[in-house]
Amino acid sequence: MTWKDTYQEWLNQDQLEPALKEQLVAMDDDQEKEDAFYGPLSFGTAGTSGPSI
């Protein structure tokens, strides 16, 4: 699946919040869309999964 496929999949969601759909439609530059939809997001908890005791 390409970033273009992923973008279209998000855009075509029936339950998509209107504000998010507006943001997606406002992405008129392919580079901006590719930056947003190419590859997985990298984030995490940095090894923390709960409060330290």
N, C-alpha and C. Protein backbone atom coordinates (compact mmCIF):
# COMPACT_ATOMS: atom_id res chain seq x y z
N MET A 1 0.85 -1.17 0.00
CA MET A 1 0.00 0.00 0.00
C MET A 1 0.90 1.24 0.00
N THR A 2 0.57 2.20 -0.84
CA THR A 2 1.37 3.43 -0.93
C THR A 2 0.79 4.49 0.00
N TRP A 3 1.52 5.57 0.16
CA TRP A 3 1.03 6.68 0.98
C TRP A 3 -0.24 7.26 0.37
N LYS A 4 -0.33 7.24 -0.97
CA LYS A 4 -1.54 7.75 -1.63
C LYS A 4 -2.75 6.90 -1.30
N ASP A 5 -2.56 5.59 -1.25
CA ASP A 5 -3.66 4.68 -0.87
C ASP A 5 -4.09 4.94 0.57
N THR A 6 -3.12 5.12 1.45
CA THR A 6 -3.42 5.37 2.86
C THR A 6 -4.16 6.70 3.02
N TYR A 7 -3.72 7.72 2.31
CA TYR A 7 -4.39 9.03 2.35
C TYR A 7 -5.85 8.87 1.91
N GLN A 8 -6.09 8.20 0.80
CA GLN A 8 -7.45 8.01 0.30
C GLN A 8 -8.30 7.19 1.27
N GLU A 9 -7.70 6.20 1.89
CA GLU A 9 -8.42 5.38 2.87
C GLU A 9 -8.90 6.24 4.03
N TRP A 10 -8.03 7.10 4.53
CA TRP A 10 -8.41 8.01 5.61
C TRP A 10 -9.51 8.97 5.14
N LEU A 11 -9.32 9.54 3.96
CA LEU A 11 -10.26 10.53 3.43
C LEU A 11 -11.65 9.93 3.21
N ASN A 12 -11.71 8.66 2.88
CA ASN A 12 -12.98 8.00 2.57
C ASN A 12 -13.68 7.38 3.77
N GLN A 13 -13.14 7.54 4.97
CA GLN A 13 -13.76 6.98 6.17
C GLN A 13 -15.11 7.64 6.44
N ASP A 14 -16.14 6.83 6.64
CA ASP A 14 -17.48 7.34 6.92
C ASP A 14 -17.57 8.04 8.27
N GLN A 15 -16.82 7.55 9.25
CA GLN A 15 -16.90 8.07 10.61
C GLN A 15 -15.86 9.16 10.91
N LEU A 16 -15.20 9.66 9.88
CA LEU A 16 -14.13 10.66 10.06
C LEU A 16 -14.71 11.97 10.61
N GLU A 17 -14.06 12.50 11.62
CA GLU A 17 -14.49 13.78 12.19
C GLU A 17 -14.38 14.87 11.13
N PRO A 18 -15.38 15.76 11.05
CA PRO A 18 -15.36 16.81 10.03
C PRO A 18 -14.10 17.68 10.06
N ALA A 19 -13.60 18.00 11.24
CA ALA A 19 -12.40 18.83 11.34
C ALA A 19 -11.19 18.12 10.74
N LEU A 20 -11.09 16.82 10.97
CA LEU A 20 -9.97 16.06 10.41
C LEU A 20 -10.10 15.96 8.90
N LYS A 21 -11.32 15.76 8.41
CA LYS A 21 -11.52 15.70 6.96
C LYS A 21 -11.12 17.03 6.32
N GLU A 22 -11.44 18.14 6.96
CA GLU A 22 -11.04 19.45 6.46
C GLU A 22 -9.52 19.56 6.36
N GLN A 23 -8.83 19.04 7.38
CA GLN A 23 -7.37 19.08 7.38
C GLN A 23 -6.81 18.24 6.23
N LEU A 24 -7.40 17.08 6.00
CA LEU A 24 -6.93 16.22 4.92
C LEU A 24 -7.15 16.86 3.57
N VAL A 25 -8.32 17.44 3.37
CA VAL A 25 -8.63 18.10 2.10
C VAL A 25 -7.73 19.31 1.88
N ALA A 26 -7.36 19.99 2.96
CA ALA A 26 -6.51 21.17 2.86
C ALA A 26 -5.08 20.84 2.44
N MET A 27 -4.70 19.57 2.55
CA MET A 27 -3.36 19.15 2.11
C MET A 27 -3.36 19.11 0.58
N ASP A 28 -2.96 20.22 -0.05
CA ASP A 28 -2.99 20.27 -1.50
C ASP A 28 -1.64 19.93 -2.14
N ASP A 29 -0.64 19.77 -1.32
CA ASP A 29 0.71 19.47 -1.80
C ASP A 29 1.02 17.99 -1.58
N ASP A 30 1.42 17.28 -2.62
CA ASP A 30 1.73 15.86 -2.49
C ASP A 30 2.85 15.60 -1.49
N GLN A 31 3.81 16.51 -1.38
CA GLN A 31 4.91 16.31 -0.42
C GLN A 31 4.37 16.33 1.01
N GLU A 32 3.44 17.23 1.28
CA GLU A 32 2.83 17.29 2.62
C GLU A 32 2.06 16.00 2.92
N LYS A 33 1.33 15.50 1.93
CA LYS A 33 0.58 14.26 2.11
C LYS A 33 1.54 13.08 2.33
N GLU A 34 2.59 13.04 1.54
CA GLU A 34 3.56 11.95 1.68
C GLU A 34 4.22 11.99 3.05
N ASP A 35 4.59 13.18 3.51
CA ASP A 35 5.19 13.31 4.85
C ASP A 35 4.25 12.79 5.93
N ALA A 36 2.95 13.02 5.75
CA ALA A 36 1.98 12.62 6.76
C ALA A 36 1.60 11.15 6.69
N PHE A 37 1.67 10.53 5.50
CA PHE A 37 1.14 9.18 5.33
C PHE A 37 2.15 8.14 4.87
N TYR A 38 3.43 8.49 4.79
CA TYR A 38 4.44 7.52 4.39
C TYR A 38 5.08 6.92 5.62
N GLY A 39 4.93 5.63 5.79
CA GLY A 39 5.60 4.92 6.87
C GLY A 39 4.92 5.07 8.21
N PRO A 40 5.30 4.23 9.13
CA PRO A 40 4.71 4.27 10.48
C PRO A 40 5.21 5.46 11.28
N LEU A 41 4.43 5.88 12.23
CA LEU A 41 4.84 6.94 13.13
C LEU A 41 5.85 6.38 14.13
N SER A 42 6.81 7.20 14.49
CA SER A 42 7.77 6.75 15.49
C SER A 42 7.52 7.52 16.78
N PHE A 43 6.99 6.83 17.74
CA PHE A 43 6.76 7.41 19.05
C PHE A 43 6.70 6.26 20.04
N GLY A 44 6.75 6.57 21.28
CA GLY A 44 6.70 5.51 22.28
C GLY A 44 6.74 6.08 23.68
N THR A 45 6.89 5.20 24.60
CA THR A 45 6.89 5.60 26.00
C THR A 45 8.29 5.70 26.58
N ALA A 46 9.28 5.48 25.74
CA ALA A 46 10.67 5.54 26.18
C ALA A 46 10.93 4.58 27.35
N GLY A 47 10.24 3.46 27.32
CA GLY A 47 10.43 2.45 28.34
C GLY A 47 9.54 2.61 29.57
N THR A 48 8.78 3.68 29.61
CA THR A 48 7.91 3.91 30.75
C THR A 48 6.51 3.43 30.42
N SER A 49 5.96 2.59 31.27
CA SER A 49 4.61 2.08 31.01
C SER A 49 3.64 2.41 32.13
N GLY A 50 4.09 3.05 33.13
CA GLY A 50 3.22 3.40 34.24
C GLY A 50 3.97 4.24 35.25
N PRO A 51 3.30 4.64 36.31
CA PRO A 51 3.97 5.47 37.31
C PRO A 51 5.07 4.69 38.04
N SER A 52 6.14 5.38 38.33
CA SER A 52 7.23 4.76 39.10
C SER A 52 6.85 4.74 40.57
N ILE A 53 7.19 3.63 41.21
CA ILE A 53 6.86 3.50 42.64
C ILE A 53 8.13 3.56 43.45
